Protein backbone atom coordinates (compact mmCIF):
# COMPACT_ATOMS: atom_id res chain seq x y z
CA MET A 1 100.03 121.82 118.44
CA LEU A 2 98.95 121.92 114.80
CA ASP A 3 95.20 122.86 114.39
CA ALA A 4 93.64 120.17 112.20
CA ASN A 5 90.00 121.13 113.10
CA GLY A 6 87.76 120.66 110.10
CA LYS A 7 90.62 119.38 107.93
CA LEU A 8 91.37 116.05 106.39
CA VAL A 9 94.44 114.30 107.87
CA THR A 10 95.83 111.86 105.50
CA PRO A 11 99.09 109.74 105.49
CA GLY A 12 101.89 111.95 104.12
CA LEU A 13 101.33 112.38 100.39
CA ILE A 14 103.88 110.72 98.06
CA ASP A 15 104.57 112.24 94.67
CA LEU A 16 105.87 109.35 92.57
CA HIS A 17 106.97 111.57 89.61
CA ALA A 18 108.35 114.94 90.41
CA HIS A 19 111.39 116.96 89.36
CA VAL A 20 113.22 118.03 92.52
CA TYR A 21 116.84 118.47 91.51
CA PRO A 22 117.16 122.37 91.47
CA TYR A 23 120.41 123.77 90.21
CA GLY A 24 121.58 120.48 88.94
CA SER A 25 118.95 119.64 86.33
CA ALA A 26 117.36 122.16 83.97
CA ILE A 27 113.78 121.80 85.34
CA GLY A 28 113.95 120.95 89.07
CA ILE A 29 112.15 122.70 91.89
CA PRO A 30 113.23 122.63 95.50
CA ALA A 31 110.98 120.03 97.07
CA ASP A 32 110.33 121.90 100.26
CA GLU A 33 109.00 124.88 98.15
CA LEU A 34 106.26 122.59 96.94
CA ILE A 35 104.75 122.02 100.41
CA PRO A 36 102.30 124.96 100.26
CA PHE A 37 101.18 123.86 96.84
CA GLN A 38 100.76 120.10 97.34
CA ALA A 39 101.36 119.19 101.01
CA THR A 40 103.75 116.37 100.00
CA THR A 41 106.07 114.75 102.44
CA THR A 42 107.86 112.33 100.05
CA LEU A 43 108.83 112.94 96.40
CA VAL A 44 110.51 110.83 93.78
CA SER A 45 112.92 112.48 91.33
CA GLY A 46 111.83 111.24 87.84
CA GLY A 47 115.24 110.89 86.24
CA ASP A 48 116.61 114.37 86.94
CA ALA A 49 120.08 112.90 87.53
CA GLY A 50 121.98 110.37 85.64
CA ALA A 51 125.09 108.42 86.59
CA ASN A 52 127.34 111.47 86.10
CA ASN A 53 125.48 113.89 88.40
CA PHE A 54 123.63 111.57 90.86
CA ALA A 55 126.33 112.00 93.47
CA ALA A 56 125.74 115.77 93.48
CA PHE A 57 121.96 115.15 93.79
CA ARG A 58 122.59 112.90 96.83
CA ARG A 59 125.14 115.20 98.59
CA HIS A 60 123.83 118.56 97.89
CA ILE A 61 120.09 118.20 97.47
CA VAL A 62 118.89 115.06 99.33
CA ALA A 63 121.22 115.78 102.23
CA GLN A 64 119.77 119.24 102.93
CA THR A 65 116.17 118.80 101.89
CA ARG A 66 113.50 118.25 104.58
CA SER A 67 111.07 116.43 102.28
CA ARG A 68 111.95 112.74 101.93
CA LEU A 69 113.44 112.12 98.51
CA PHE A 70 113.87 109.08 96.37
CA ALA A 71 114.83 108.89 92.69
CA PHE A 72 114.95 107.04 89.45
CA VAL A 73 118.41 107.24 87.86
CA HIS A 74 118.25 108.42 84.23
CA ILE A 75 119.56 105.88 81.70
CA ALA A 76 121.27 108.87 80.06
CA ASN A 77 124.39 109.65 82.15
CA ILE A 78 123.67 113.37 81.85
CA GLY A 79 120.18 113.04 83.25
CA LEU A 80 117.91 116.05 82.33
CA THR A 81 120.74 118.66 82.45
CA PRO A 82 120.45 119.50 78.68
CA PHE A 83 116.67 120.11 78.70
CA PRO A 84 115.11 121.21 76.38
CA VAL A 85 117.65 119.55 74.17
CA ALA A 86 116.85 115.85 73.97
CA GLU A 87 119.16 113.71 76.13
CA LEU A 88 118.86 110.50 73.95
CA TYR A 89 119.18 111.59 70.36
CA ASN A 90 122.74 110.43 70.94
CA ILE A 91 122.19 106.92 72.11
CA ASP A 92 125.75 106.86 73.44
CA PHE A 93 124.57 108.77 76.54
CA ALA A 94 122.61 105.66 77.55
CA GLN A 95 125.34 104.04 79.60
CA VAL A 96 124.18 100.72 80.94
CA GLU A 97 126.94 99.88 83.35
CA ALA A 98 127.18 103.44 84.73
CA ALA A 99 123.42 103.56 85.36
CA ALA A 100 123.47 100.16 87.10
CA LYS A 101 126.33 101.15 89.26
CA ALA A 102 124.60 104.42 90.35
CA VAL A 103 121.48 102.56 91.31
CA ALA A 104 123.27 99.74 93.17
CA GLU A 105 125.52 102.18 95.08
CA ASN A 106 122.52 104.37 96.05
CA ALA A 107 120.09 101.60 96.84
CA ASP A 108 118.72 103.45 99.90
CA ILE A 109 117.31 106.12 97.63
CA ALA A 110 117.57 104.98 94.06
CA LEU A 111 114.54 102.89 92.97
CA GLY A 112 115.66 101.99 89.47
CA VAL A 113 116.04 103.61 86.04
CA LYS A 114 114.13 106.29 84.20
CA VAL A 115 113.80 106.42 80.41
CA ARG A 116 111.89 108.78 78.17
CA MET A 117 110.59 107.11 74.98
CA SER A 118 108.94 109.90 73.21
CA GLU A 119 110.02 110.43 69.60
CA ASN A 120 111.23 113.97 70.43
CA VAL A 121 113.63 112.41 72.98
CA ILE A 122 114.94 109.26 71.31
CA ALA A 123 114.55 110.02 67.62
CA LYS A 124 114.70 106.72 65.72
CA HIS A 125 116.23 104.51 68.28
CA GLY A 126 113.15 102.41 68.73
CA THR A 127 113.12 100.18 71.79
CA GLU A 128 116.94 100.38 72.35
CA PRO A 129 116.80 103.01 75.14
CA LEU A 130 114.19 100.95 77.05
CA LYS A 131 116.16 97.74 76.58
CA ARG A 132 119.29 99.43 77.99
CA ALA A 133 117.30 100.71 80.95
CA ILE A 134 115.90 97.22 81.70
CA LYS A 135 119.43 95.79 81.43
CA ALA A 136 120.77 98.36 83.84
CA CYS A 137 117.98 97.40 86.34
CA GLU A 138 118.83 93.70 85.98
CA MET A 139 122.50 94.42 86.59
CA ALA A 140 121.78 96.59 89.54
CA GLY A 141 119.57 93.97 91.22
CA GLY A 142 117.58 94.55 94.30
CA GLY A 143 114.26 94.61 92.52
CA SER A 144 115.10 97.80 90.57
CA ARG A 145 112.15 99.08 88.64
CA ILE A 146 111.82 100.95 85.24
CA MET A 147 110.02 104.24 85.13
CA CYS A 148 109.08 104.59 81.41
CA HIS A 149 107.86 107.92 80.11
CA ILE A 150 105.52 107.70 77.06
CA GLY A 151 103.77 110.37 74.98
CA GLY A 152 104.16 110.80 71.30
CA VAL A 153 106.18 107.66 70.52
CA GLU A 154 107.44 107.34 67.02
CA THR A 155 104.88 104.73 65.62
CA PRO A 156 101.76 103.01 66.85
CA LYS A 157 103.56 99.65 66.79
CA LEU A 158 106.45 101.05 68.95
CA MET A 159 103.92 101.86 71.70
CA SER A 160 102.87 98.19 71.70
CA ASP A 161 106.48 97.10 71.69
CA ILE A 162 107.21 99.31 74.69
CA LEU A 163 104.37 97.96 76.61
CA ASP A 164 105.32 94.34 75.84
CA LEU A 165 108.78 95.02 77.26
CA LEU A 166 107.70 96.34 80.59
CA ARG A 167 107.84 93.92 83.53
CA PRO A 168 105.54 93.47 86.50
CA GLY A 169 106.27 96.39 88.93
CA ASP A 170 107.70 98.65 86.24
CA VAL A 171 106.05 102.05 86.11
CA LEU A 172 104.43 103.45 82.97
CA THR A 173 104.28 107.19 83.62
CA HIS A 174 102.24 109.63 81.57
CA ALA A 175 99.97 106.69 81.04
CA TYR A 176 97.13 108.89 79.83
CA SER A 177 99.20 111.17 77.55
CA GLY A 178 97.60 112.41 74.42
CA ALA A 179 100.74 114.09 73.20
CA PRO A 180 101.29 113.45 69.44
CA ASN A 181 104.44 112.30 67.87
CA ILE A 182 106.59 114.64 65.64
CA ALA A 183 104.34 114.08 62.65
CA GLY A 184 101.30 114.87 64.66
CA ALA A 185 100.04 111.30 64.96
CA PHE A 186 98.53 109.90 68.17
CA THR A 187 100.55 106.94 69.13
CA ASN A 188 99.73 106.40 72.82
CA ILE A 189 97.90 103.67 74.76
CA VAL A 190 94.48 104.69 73.28
CA GLN A 191 94.50 104.56 69.40
CA ASP A 192 91.44 105.01 67.17
CA GLY A 193 89.33 105.42 70.30
CA LYS A 194 90.33 102.04 71.63
CA LEU A 195 92.78 100.85 74.41
CA LEU A 196 95.65 98.92 72.93
CA PRO A 197 95.61 95.20 73.69
CA ALA A 198 99.20 95.48 74.75
CA ALA A 199 98.18 98.15 77.33
CA PHE A 200 95.52 95.88 78.87
CA GLU A 201 97.98 93.05 79.00
CA ALA A 202 100.57 95.16 80.62
CA LYS A 203 98.08 96.31 83.23
CA LYS A 204 97.04 92.70 83.81
CA ARG A 205 100.55 91.47 84.53
CA GLY A 206 101.24 94.19 87.01
CA VAL A 207 102.79 97.17 85.16
CA VAL A 208 102.02 100.26 87.38
CA PHE A 209 100.00 102.88 85.54
CA ASP A 210 101.04 106.27 86.81
CA VAL A 211 99.29 109.55 85.87
CA GLY A 212 102.39 111.89 85.73
CA HIS A 213 100.20 114.81 84.60
CA GLY A 214 102.89 117.34 83.87
CA GLY A 215 102.53 120.16 81.41
CA GLY A 216 101.79 118.01 78.39
CA SER A 217 101.01 114.49 79.53
CA PHE A 218 97.40 114.16 80.63
CA ASP A 219 94.42 113.87 78.26
CA TYR A 220 90.93 113.37 79.66
CA THR A 221 89.79 111.63 76.47
CA VAL A 222 92.57 109.10 76.74
CA ALA A 223 91.95 108.54 80.44
CA ASP A 224 88.25 108.06 79.98
CA VAL A 225 88.69 105.26 77.31
CA ALA A 226 91.53 103.49 79.25
CA ILE A 227 89.70 103.60 82.64
CA GLN A 228 86.51 102.26 80.98
CA ALA A 229 88.55 99.49 79.42
CA GLY A 230 90.13 98.35 82.67
CA ALA A 231 93.31 100.24 82.63
CA GLY A 232 92.80 102.79 85.40
CA PRO A 233 95.47 104.50 87.37
CA ASP A 234 97.41 102.79 90.10
CA THR A 235 99.22 105.96 91.31
CA ILE A 236 98.55 109.66 90.88
CA SER A 237 101.56 111.86 90.41
CA SER A 238 102.27 115.36 89.41
CA ASP A 239 105.34 115.55 87.07
CA ILE A 240 105.71 118.95 88.63
CA HIS A 241 108.71 120.97 87.35
CA VAL A 242 109.54 124.64 86.53
CA PHE A 243 107.69 124.53 83.16
CA SER A 244 104.71 122.24 84.08
CA GLY A 245 104.00 124.37 87.23
CA ASN A 246 103.25 127.39 85.10
CA THR A 247 100.79 125.65 82.75
CA PRO A 248 97.02 126.05 82.83
CA GLY A 249 96.68 122.32 83.88
CA MET A 250 98.34 123.24 87.16
CA PRO A 251 99.77 119.72 87.92
CA TYR A 252 100.35 120.08 91.66
CA LEU A 253 99.62 116.72 93.22
CA THR A 254 96.54 117.81 95.16
CA TRP A 255 95.02 119.48 92.01
CA VAL A 256 95.71 116.33 89.98
CA MET A 257 94.10 114.33 92.82
CA SER A 258 91.04 116.61 92.53
CA LYS A 259 90.72 115.91 88.85
CA PHE A 260 90.29 112.13 89.55
CA LEU A 261 88.00 112.99 92.47
CA ASN A 262 85.71 114.48 89.90
CA MET A 263 86.05 111.66 87.46
CA GLY A 264 84.22 109.20 89.64
CA PHE A 265 86.88 108.02 92.06
CA SER A 266 86.16 108.13 95.70
CA LEU A 267 88.18 110.25 98.19
CA GLU A 268 89.57 107.01 99.66
CA GLN A 269 90.68 105.77 96.30
CA VAL A 270 92.34 109.15 95.34
CA VAL A 271 94.15 109.29 98.71
CA ALA A 272 95.29 105.70 98.48
CA MET A 273 96.71 106.35 94.93
CA SER A 274 98.75 109.16 96.31
CA THR A 275 99.88 107.47 99.53
CA ALA A 276 99.80 103.74 100.13
CA ALA A 277 100.13 102.81 96.39
CA PRO A 278 103.27 104.87 95.59
CA ALA A 279 104.64 103.79 99.04
CA LYS A 280 104.47 100.18 97.77
CA VAL A 281 106.14 101.13 94.50
CA ILE A 282 109.11 102.68 96.42
CA ASN A 283 109.29 99.55 98.65
CA ARG A 284 108.36 101.57 101.76
CA GLY A 285 104.76 100.31 102.26
CA ALA A 286 105.30 99.32 105.89
CA LYS A 287 106.41 102.82 106.87
CA LEU A 288 105.37 105.49 104.42
CA GLY A 289 101.94 106.29 103.05
CA THR A 290 100.34 105.12 106.34
CA LEU A 291 99.33 106.39 109.75
CA GLN A 292 99.76 103.11 111.46
CA PRO A 293 101.60 102.92 114.84
CA GLY A 294 105.30 102.73 114.30
CA ALA A 295 105.37 104.64 111.09
CA PRO A 296 107.45 107.83 111.21
CA ALA A 297 104.55 110.32 111.60
CA ASP A 298 104.33 111.73 108.15
CA ALA A 299 100.84 113.42 107.60
CA SER A 300 99.30 115.81 105.15
CA LEU A 301 96.64 118.27 106.09
CA LEU A 302 94.05 118.98 103.33
CA GLU A 303 90.80 120.84 103.03
CA LEU A 304 87.98 119.44 100.93
CA VAL A 305 86.50 122.43 99.32
CA GLU A 306 82.91 122.14 97.97
CA GLY A 307 81.66 124.26 95.12
CA PRO A 308 81.92 124.64 91.24
CA VAL A 309 85.39 124.30 89.90
CA GLU A 310 86.82 124.10 86.37
CA PHE A 311 89.71 121.76 85.39
CA VAL A 312 91.72 121.65 82.16
CA ASP A 313 94.00 118.88 80.90
CA THR A 314 97.08 119.29 78.80
CA ARG A 315 95.30 119.33 75.56
CA ASN A 316 92.80 122.01 76.55
CA ASN A 317 89.86 119.72 77.28
CA LYS A 318 87.90 121.24 80.08
CA ARG A 319 85.85 119.49 82.75
CA GLN A 320 83.56 120.95 85.45
CA GLY A 321 83.76 119.75 89.00
CA LYS A 322 82.07 120.06 92.30
CA VAL A 323 84.87 119.65 94.85
CA HIS A 324 88.65 120.03 95.09
CA LEU A 325 91.33 119.38 97.55
CA ARG A 326 93.33 122.32 98.92
CA PRO A 327 96.70 121.75 100.61
CA VAL A 328 96.97 123.16 104.12
CA SER A 329 100.11 121.81 105.69
CA ALA A 330 102.35 118.77 106.17
CA VAL A 331 104.13 117.02 109.01
CA LEU A 332 107.30 115.09 108.34
CA ALA A 333 108.47 112.67 111.06
CA GLY A 334 106.41 114.47 113.61
CA VAL A 335 107.71 117.94 112.74
CA PRO A 336 105.37 120.36 110.97
CA PHE A 337 106.42 122.46 108.09
CA GLY A 338 106.10 126.03 109.20
CA ARG A 339 104.37 126.88 112.59
CA PRO A 340 104.45 125.74 115.23
CA TYR A 341 108.36 125.62 115.26
CA GLN A 342 110.07 123.22 117.63
CA SER A 343 113.04 124.07 119.73
CA PRO A 344 115.70 123.26 119.01
CA PHE A 345 114.76 123.00 115.49
CA ALA A 346 115.78 119.53 114.29
CA VAL A 347 114.22 117.33 111.72
CA ARG A 348 115.82 113.87 111.93
């Protein structure tokens, strides 16, 4: 029996944007090693693998990881293996047919296509990488979604063009990034202190606004304006990887949830944005992110810790808080991580 006395028991937390392809991408962390830090039961690889190395991710990582793993296939066939070297300065890496094939052939775990649209990733290629990613999703079929990374895009206009291309159900990750472009200009969804009309329109037509905090992609001042203007988050995710995990912003999922808990969102809202909402995005709303009868018994145990706490975003803006969530443990398909161990030890 797992002692949950005095703890919060929530549906298994789902991290919609993580990097969990260790050994095969440059920045991945083993998903099971994240349990003590964020009590997640399900994680989505945010484009760690492209068409050329997705099979290895499936066979050698997904197959022997206890945490439930899903993925967006990177439009670049090399995925994030060259990091920190940009994967799309050479647009030839964006192989539409190969990405579509990878998504379609792995439809049980592949949700769609990831594309990073920052200037320091795509140089002067404009909307072409995103257009190729959308085409790959359309070729793959099955309701494949885009996960589009923003932050420091080349020009203010390009940001609006990106937003205009996103379809209902596509995911805008790093939605509240304040990262500048190469010239130091702020070209994200909030410009000159105002939310871009294209961002509001994207939100209205059903584009999913995902936090994707990471090591450089969450700015309180952007989030404040966007939320006030009606473009609040739909999903909370970490963008945890080997570099972001060592940054002052500490983007472990429960810590990112805590930031929003202290920004005026209720505990129920914050939990829903980390369970039921991402479960819907990954088309598993009936079974994951829920504690309803018939679901596979995924649960996260958290502690609500009261007392003064200080948070910092990725642009060194500090905020004081009164409460935070501490990860305690997680249960996957009825089997706890750690003690008590079951015998024989089997997961599923």
